[in-house]
Amino acid sequence: MEEIAQKEITSTCLLLMTDDIEFIEGCRKLVFLRNQYDLAEDLTFSPIVGIVSETDDFPDKNARENFSKDYLERIDKEVMDYILEVRPSIIDACSILIEKYVSVAKKQNNPITGSM
């Protein structure tokens, strides 16, 4: 795996874990990266893919201006409730992804000892 892919995945995971990226946006970005870097076989992404699938009808920040205020208030409540329910499983998946891809990066930098 390319080093840039590892950095993008781990940095997005860290942003999600620290609430420095909007939750659904962060999940969508991780699924995009998973697809871009051909990581469909990595089942650690499964809960993230599930969340993106479940929320594909939620408008992203760029499309919100096309919806009524009433709809946005209702959908925002649904999103908040959903995030509270699923966030722990995403934090777990992000922790595993970070550990996995940091470990891969270390092994790639020094394949004999596995360290940098």
N, C-alpha and C. Protein backbone atom coordinates (compact mmCIF):
# COMPACT_ATOMS: atom_id res chain seq x y z
N MET A 1 0.84 -1.18 0.00
CA MET A 1 0.00 0.00 0.00
C MET A 1 0.89 1.25 0.00
N GLU A 2 0.43 2.23 -0.73
CA GLU A 2 1.18 3.48 -0.81
C GLU A 2 1.17 4.21 0.53
N GLU A 3 2.26 4.88 0.79
CA GLU A 3 2.38 5.65 2.04
C GLU A 3 1.32 6.74 2.12
N ILE A 4 1.00 7.36 0.99
CA ILE A 4 0.00 8.42 0.98
C ILE A 4 -1.36 7.87 1.41
N ALA A 5 -1.68 6.65 1.00
CA ALA A 5 -2.94 6.02 1.38
C ALA A 5 -2.99 5.80 2.89
N GLN A 6 -1.90 5.29 3.43
CA GLN A 6 -1.83 5.05 4.87
C GLN A 6 -2.03 6.35 5.63
N LYS A 7 -1.37 7.41 5.17
CA LYS A 7 -1.49 8.70 5.85
C LYS A 7 -2.90 9.26 5.76
N GLU A 8 -3.51 9.16 4.59
CA GLU A 8 -4.88 9.67 4.43
C GLU A 8 -5.86 8.91 5.29
N ILE A 9 -5.74 7.60 5.33
CA ILE A 9 -6.65 6.78 6.13
C ILE A 9 -6.45 7.07 7.62
N THR A 10 -5.21 7.04 8.07
CA THR A 10 -4.98 7.24 9.50
C THR A 10 -5.33 8.67 9.93
N SER A 11 -5.03 9.66 9.10
CA SER A 11 -5.38 11.03 9.50
C SER A 11 -6.88 11.24 9.52
N THR A 12 -7.61 10.64 8.59
CA THR A 12 -9.07 10.75 8.61
C THR A 12 -9.64 10.04 9.83
N CYS A 13 -9.09 8.90 10.17
CA CYS A 13 -9.53 8.19 11.38
C CYS A 13 -9.30 9.05 12.62
N LEU A 14 -8.13 9.66 12.71
CA LEU A 14 -7.84 10.53 13.86
C LEU A 14 -8.81 11.71 13.92
N LEU A 15 -9.11 12.29 12.78
CA LEU A 15 -10.07 13.40 12.75
C LEU A 15 -11.44 12.95 13.23
N LEU A 16 -11.85 11.76 12.83
CA LEU A 16 -13.14 11.22 13.29
C LEU A 16 -13.12 10.97 14.80
N MET A 17 -12.05 10.41 15.28
CA MET A 17 -11.96 10.06 16.70
C MET A 17 -11.94 11.29 17.60
N THR A 18 -11.45 12.40 17.08
CA THR A 18 -11.36 13.63 17.88
C THR A 18 -12.45 14.63 17.53
N ASP A 19 -13.41 14.19 16.73
CA ASP A 19 -14.53 15.06 16.31
C ASP A 19 -14.07 16.30 15.57
N ASP A 20 -12.97 16.20 14.84
CA ASP A 20 -12.45 17.33 14.07
C ASP A 20 -12.90 17.28 12.61
N ILE A 21 -13.77 16.34 12.29
CA ILE A 21 -14.42 16.26 10.99
C ILE A 21 -15.85 15.84 11.26
N GLU A 22 -16.76 16.36 10.48
CA GLU A 22 -18.16 15.96 10.65
C GLU A 22 -18.24 14.45 10.45
N PHE A 23 -18.99 13.77 11.30
CA PHE A 23 -19.00 12.32 11.39
C PHE A 23 -19.32 11.63 10.07
N ILE A 24 -20.45 11.97 9.47
CA ILE A 24 -20.85 11.32 8.22
C ILE A 24 -19.85 11.65 7.11
N GLU A 25 -19.41 12.88 7.06
CA GLU A 25 -18.41 13.29 6.07
C GLU A 25 -17.13 12.46 6.22
N GLY A 26 -16.68 12.27 7.45
CA GLY A 26 -15.49 11.47 7.71
C GLY A 26 -15.65 10.03 7.28
N CYS A 27 -16.82 9.46 7.57
CA CYS A 27 -17.09 8.07 7.14
C CYS A 27 -17.11 7.98 5.62
N ARG A 28 -17.76 8.96 4.98
CA ARG A 28 -17.80 8.97 3.52
C ARG A 28 -16.39 9.07 2.94
N LYS A 29 -15.54 9.87 3.56
CA LYS A 29 -14.17 10.01 3.07
C LYS A 29 -13.41 8.69 3.22
N LEU A 30 -13.59 7.99 4.34
CA LEU A 30 -12.91 6.71 4.53
C LEU A 30 -13.36 5.68 3.50
N VAL A 31 -14.64 5.66 3.17
CA VAL A 31 -15.13 4.73 2.15
C VAL A 31 -14.55 5.11 0.78
N PHE A 32 -14.48 6.40 0.51
CA PHE A 32 -13.86 6.85 -0.73
C PHE A 32 -12.40 6.37 -0.81
N LEU A 33 -11.66 6.55 0.27
CA LEU A 33 -10.26 6.13 0.30
C LEU A 33 -10.14 4.61 0.16
N ARG A 34 -11.03 3.89 0.82
CA ARG A 34 -11.04 2.42 0.72
C ARG A 34 -11.21 2.01 -0.75
N ASN A 35 -12.12 2.65 -1.44
CA ASN A 35 -12.37 2.32 -2.84
C ASN A 35 -11.22 2.79 -3.74
N GLN A 36 -10.73 3.99 -3.47
CA GLN A 36 -9.65 4.55 -4.29
C GLN A 36 -8.39 3.70 -4.23
N TYR A 37 -8.10 3.17 -3.06
CA TYR A 37 -6.87 2.39 -2.88
C TYR A 37 -7.12 0.88 -2.91
N ASP A 38 -8.28 0.49 -3.43
CA ASP A 38 -8.60 -0.92 -3.65
C ASP A 38 -8.44 -1.76 -2.38
N LEU A 39 -9.10 -1.32 -1.32
CA LEU A 39 -9.01 -2.01 -0.03
C LEU A 39 -10.32 -2.70 0.35
N ALA A 40 -11.10 -3.08 -0.64
CA ALA A 40 -12.40 -3.70 -0.38
C ALA A 40 -12.28 -4.98 0.46
N GLU A 41 -11.13 -5.65 0.37
CA GLU A 41 -10.95 -6.89 1.14
C GLU A 41 -10.68 -6.64 2.62
N ASP A 42 -10.39 -5.39 2.98
CA ASP A 42 -10.13 -5.06 4.39
C ASP A 42 -11.46 -4.90 5.13
N LEU A 43 -11.84 -5.94 5.85
CA LEU A 43 -13.15 -5.95 6.51
C LEU A 43 -13.25 -4.98 7.67
N THR A 44 -12.14 -4.39 8.09
CA THR A 44 -12.18 -3.38 9.15
C THR A 44 -13.04 -2.19 8.72
N PHE A 45 -13.12 -1.96 7.42
CA PHE A 45 -13.93 -0.87 6.91
C PHE A 45 -15.44 -1.18 6.93
N SER A 46 -15.83 -2.42 7.17
CA SER A 46 -17.23 -2.83 7.06
C SER A 46 -18.22 -1.97 7.84
N PRO A 47 -17.98 -1.67 9.11
CA PRO A 47 -18.96 -0.83 9.81
C PRO A 47 -19.05 0.58 9.22
N ILE A 48 -17.94 1.07 8.70
CA ILE A 48 -17.92 2.40 8.10
C ILE A 48 -18.72 2.38 6.80
N VAL A 49 -18.52 1.34 6.00
CA VAL A 49 -19.29 1.19 4.76
C VAL A 49 -20.77 1.10 5.08
N GLY A 50 -21.12 0.36 6.12
CA GLY A 50 -22.51 0.24 6.53
C GLY A 50 -23.14 1.57 6.90
N ILE A 51 -22.40 2.37 7.61
CA ILE A 51 -22.90 3.68 8.02
C ILE A 51 -23.09 4.59 6.81
N VAL A 52 -22.16 4.56 5.89
CA VAL A 52 -22.29 5.37 4.68
C VAL A 52 -23.53 4.93 3.89
N SER A 53 -23.74 3.63 3.81
CA SER A 53 -24.92 3.11 3.12
C SER A 53 -26.21 3.55 3.81
N GLU A 54 -26.21 3.47 5.13
CA GLU A 54 -27.40 3.84 5.91
C GLU A 54 -27.70 5.34 5.83
N THR A 55 -26.69 6.15 5.56
CA THR A 55 -26.88 7.60 5.59
C THR A 55 -26.75 8.24 4.21
N ASP A 56 -26.83 7.43 3.16
CA ASP A 56 -26.63 8.01 1.83
C ASP A 56 -27.71 9.01 1.44
N ASP A 57 -28.85 8.99 2.12
CA ASP A 57 -29.89 9.98 1.81
C ASP A 57 -29.79 11.23 2.68
N PHE A 58 -28.84 11.27 3.61
CA PHE A 58 -28.63 12.48 4.40
C PHE A 58 -27.84 13.47 3.56
N PRO A 59 -28.31 14.70 3.45
CA PRO A 59 -27.60 15.67 2.60
C PRO A 59 -26.24 16.05 3.18
N ASP A 60 -25.24 16.14 2.30
CA ASP A 60 -23.94 16.60 2.76
C ASP A 60 -23.97 18.13 2.89
N LYS A 61 -22.91 18.68 3.44
CA LYS A 61 -22.90 20.11 3.75
C LYS A 61 -23.05 20.98 2.51
N ASN A 62 -22.63 20.48 1.37
CA ASN A 62 -22.73 21.26 0.14
C ASN A 62 -24.15 21.28 -0.44
N ALA A 63 -24.96 20.30 -0.07
CA ALA A 63 -26.31 20.21 -0.63
C ALA A 63 -27.38 20.75 0.30
N ARG A 64 -27.02 21.13 1.50
CA ARG A 64 -28.02 21.53 2.50
C ARG A 64 -28.85 22.74 2.07
N GLU A 65 -28.28 23.61 1.29
CA GLU A 65 -29.00 24.81 0.87
C GLU A 65 -30.19 24.48 -0.03
N ASN A 66 -30.24 23.26 -0.54
CA ASN A 66 -31.33 22.84 -1.42
C ASN A 66 -32.53 22.26 -0.67
N PHE A 67 -32.46 22.24 0.67
CA PHE A 67 -33.51 21.63 1.47
C PHE A 67 -34.17 22.66 2.38
N SER A 68 -35.41 22.38 2.75
CA SER A 68 -36.14 23.29 3.63
C SER A 68 -35.59 23.24 5.04
N LYS A 69 -35.81 24.30 5.77
CA LYS A 69 -35.35 24.38 7.15
C LYS A 69 -36.00 23.29 8.00
N ASP A 70 -37.30 23.06 7.80
CA ASP A 70 -38.01 22.02 8.56
C ASP A 70 -37.41 20.64 8.32
N TYR A 71 -37.14 20.34 7.05
CA TYR A 71 -36.55 19.05 6.72
C TYR A 71 -35.17 18.91 7.37
N LEU A 72 -34.37 19.95 7.28
CA LEU A 72 -33.02 19.90 7.85
C LEU A 72 -33.06 19.72 9.36
N GLU A 73 -33.99 20.38 10.04
CA GLU A 73 -34.11 20.21 11.49
C GLU A 73 -34.47 18.77 11.83
N ARG A 74 -35.40 18.20 11.07
CA ARG A 74 -35.82 16.81 11.32
C ARG A 74 -34.67 15.84 11.02
N ILE A 75 -34.02 16.02 9.89
CA ILE A 75 -32.95 15.10 9.51
C ILE A 75 -31.74 15.26 10.43
N ASP A 76 -31.46 16.47 10.88
CA ASP A 76 -30.34 16.69 11.81
C ASP A 76 -30.58 15.94 13.12
N LYS A 77 -31.80 15.91 13.58
CA LYS A 77 -32.14 15.16 14.80
C LYS A 77 -31.92 13.66 14.56
N GLU A 78 -32.37 13.18 13.41
CA GLU A 78 -32.17 11.77 13.08
C GLU A 78 -30.68 11.42 13.01
N VAL A 79 -29.92 12.30 12.38
CA VAL A 79 -28.48 12.08 12.24
C VAL A 79 -27.81 12.04 13.61
N MET A 80 -28.15 12.99 14.46
CA MET A 80 -27.54 13.03 15.81
C MET A 80 -27.85 11.76 16.60
N ASP A 81 -29.10 11.31 16.54
CA ASP A 81 -29.48 10.08 17.24
C ASP A 81 -28.71 8.88 16.67
N TYR A 82 -28.60 8.84 15.36
CA TYR A 82 -27.91 7.74 14.70
C TYR A 82 -26.41 7.74 15.06
N ILE A 83 -25.82 8.90 15.04
CA ILE A 83 -24.38 9.00 15.37
C ILE A 83 -24.12 8.55 16.79
N LEU A 84 -24.98 8.94 17.72
CA LEU A 84 -24.81 8.50 19.11
C LEU A 84 -24.83 6.98 19.21
N GLU A 85 -25.64 6.35 18.38
CA GLU A 85 -25.77 4.90 18.40
C GLU A 85 -24.56 4.19 17.80
N VAL A 86 -24.05 4.72 16.69
CA VAL A 86 -23.02 3.99 15.93
C VAL A 86 -21.59 4.47 16.18
N ARG A 87 -21.42 5.61 16.79
CA ARG A 87 -20.08 6.18 16.97
C ARG A 87 -19.10 5.21 17.63
N PRO A 88 -19.49 4.51 18.69
CA PRO A 88 -18.52 3.60 19.34
C PRO A 88 -17.94 2.55 18.37
N SER A 89 -18.77 2.00 17.49
CA SER A 89 -18.24 0.99 16.57
C SER A 89 -17.30 1.61 15.55
N ILE A 90 -17.53 2.86 15.19
CA ILE A 90 -16.65 3.54 14.24
C ILE A 90 -15.33 3.91 14.91
N ILE A 91 -15.39 4.32 16.15
CA ILE A 91 -14.15 4.62 16.88
C ILE A 91 -13.31 3.36 17.00
N ASP A 92 -13.96 2.22 17.28
CA ASP A 92 -13.23 0.95 17.34
C ASP A 92 -12.58 0.62 16.00
N ALA A 93 -13.35 0.77 14.92
CA ALA A 93 -12.81 0.47 13.59
C ALA A 93 -11.65 1.41 13.26
N CYS A 94 -11.79 2.68 13.60
CA CYS A 94 -10.71 3.64 13.34
C CYS A 94 -9.46 3.28 14.13
N SER A 95 -9.61 2.87 15.37
CA SER A 95 -8.46 2.47 16.18
C SER A 95 -7.73 1.29 15.53
N ILE A 96 -8.49 0.33 15.03
CA ILE A 96 -7.89 -0.83 14.38
C ILE A 96 -7.20 -0.42 13.09
N LEU A 97 -7.85 0.45 12.30
CA LEU A 97 -7.24 0.91 11.05
C LEU A 97 -5.94 1.66 11.31
N ILE A 98 -5.93 2.51 12.31
CA ILE A 98 -4.71 3.26 12.63
C ILE A 98 -3.61 2.29 13.03
N GLU A 99 -3.92 1.37 13.92
CA GLU A 99 -2.91 0.40 14.36
C GLU A 99 -2.41 -0.42 13.18
N LYS A 100 -3.31 -0.85 12.32
CA LYS A 100 -2.96 -1.69 11.18
C LYS A 100 -2.07 -0.93 10.20
N TYR A 101 -2.45 0.28 9.84
CA TYR A 101 -1.72 0.98 8.79
C TYR A 101 -0.46 1.67 9.31
N VAL A 102 -0.39 1.99 10.56
CA VAL A 102 0.87 2.47 11.13
C VAL A 102 1.85 1.31 11.19
N SER A 103 1.35 0.14 11.55
CA SER A 103 2.19 -1.06 11.60
C SER A 103 2.71 -1.41 10.21
N VAL A 104 1.85 -1.32 9.20
CA VAL A 104 2.27 -1.60 7.83
C VAL A 104 3.34 -0.62 7.39
N ALA A 105 3.16 0.65 7.73
CA ALA A 105 4.15 1.67 7.36
C ALA A 105 5.50 1.39 7.99
N LYS A 106 5.49 0.98 9.24
CA LYS A 106 6.75 0.66 9.92
C LYS A 106 7.45 -0.52 9.25
N LYS A 107 6.69 -1.55 8.91
CA LYS A 107 7.28 -2.72 8.27
C LYS A 107 7.82 -2.39 6.89
N GLN A 108 7.13 -1.50 6.17
CA GLN A 108 7.60 -1.12 4.84
C GLN A 108 8.89 -0.31 4.90
N ASN A 109 9.03 0.48 5.95
CA ASN A 109 10.24 1.28 6.09
C ASN A 109 11.45 0.44 6.49
N ASN A 110 11.23 -0.63 7.23
CA ASN A 110 12.33 -1.51 7.61
C ASN A 110 11.78 -2.93 7.68
N PRO A 111 11.76 -3.63 6.55
CA PRO A 111 11.15 -4.96 6.51
C PRO A 111 11.82 -6.00 7.39
N ILE A 112 13.07 -5.79 7.80
CA ILE A 112 13.77 -6.79 8.61
C ILE A 112 13.33 -6.69 10.07
N THR A 113 13.31 -5.49 10.61
CA THR A 113 12.99 -5.33 12.03
C THR A 113 11.57 -4.87 12.26
N GLY A 114 10.92 -4.35 11.23
CA GLY A 114 9.57 -3.84 11.41
C GLY A 114 9.53 -2.49 12.08
N SER A 115 10.68 -1.82 12.17
CA SER A 115 10.70 -0.50 12.80
C SER A 115 11.33 0.50 11.86
N MET A 116 11.19 1.77 12.23
CA MET A 116 11.73 2.84 11.40
C MET A 116 13.17 3.12 11.74
